[in-house]
Amino acid sequence: MTVQGDKGPVLCDPRTGSLVFVAQDEGLSMSVGRDAEEEFMKLGVQYYAAARSSAWAGLWVCGNLYHHSIEMFLKAGFVAAIFLGRNSQ
């Protein structure tokens, strides 16, 4: 469900009513789900790249960064499945 918030359109989970994503641009009311999916994918790729670099450097933080990258990829999939009506096959 997309509603108009103070800072622009927001995406809420229709089942729980919880806030999922806040769009930063005023003119995105119909494409908030696609924007949320794209943003989560971008973050996932960035976390993954940081995790790979930290693993090569031997830093202990690499596991946490891998965890965050997987979390962002899952959120992108959930947004696509729930709000955009895509099958997750």
Foldseek 3Di string as FASTA:
>chain_A
DWDADPQAIWDAQPVPRDTDDDDNDHPCRPPPLVVLLVVLQVQLVVLQVVLVVCVVVVHPCSVVSNVSSVVSNVSSVVSCVRVVVDDPD
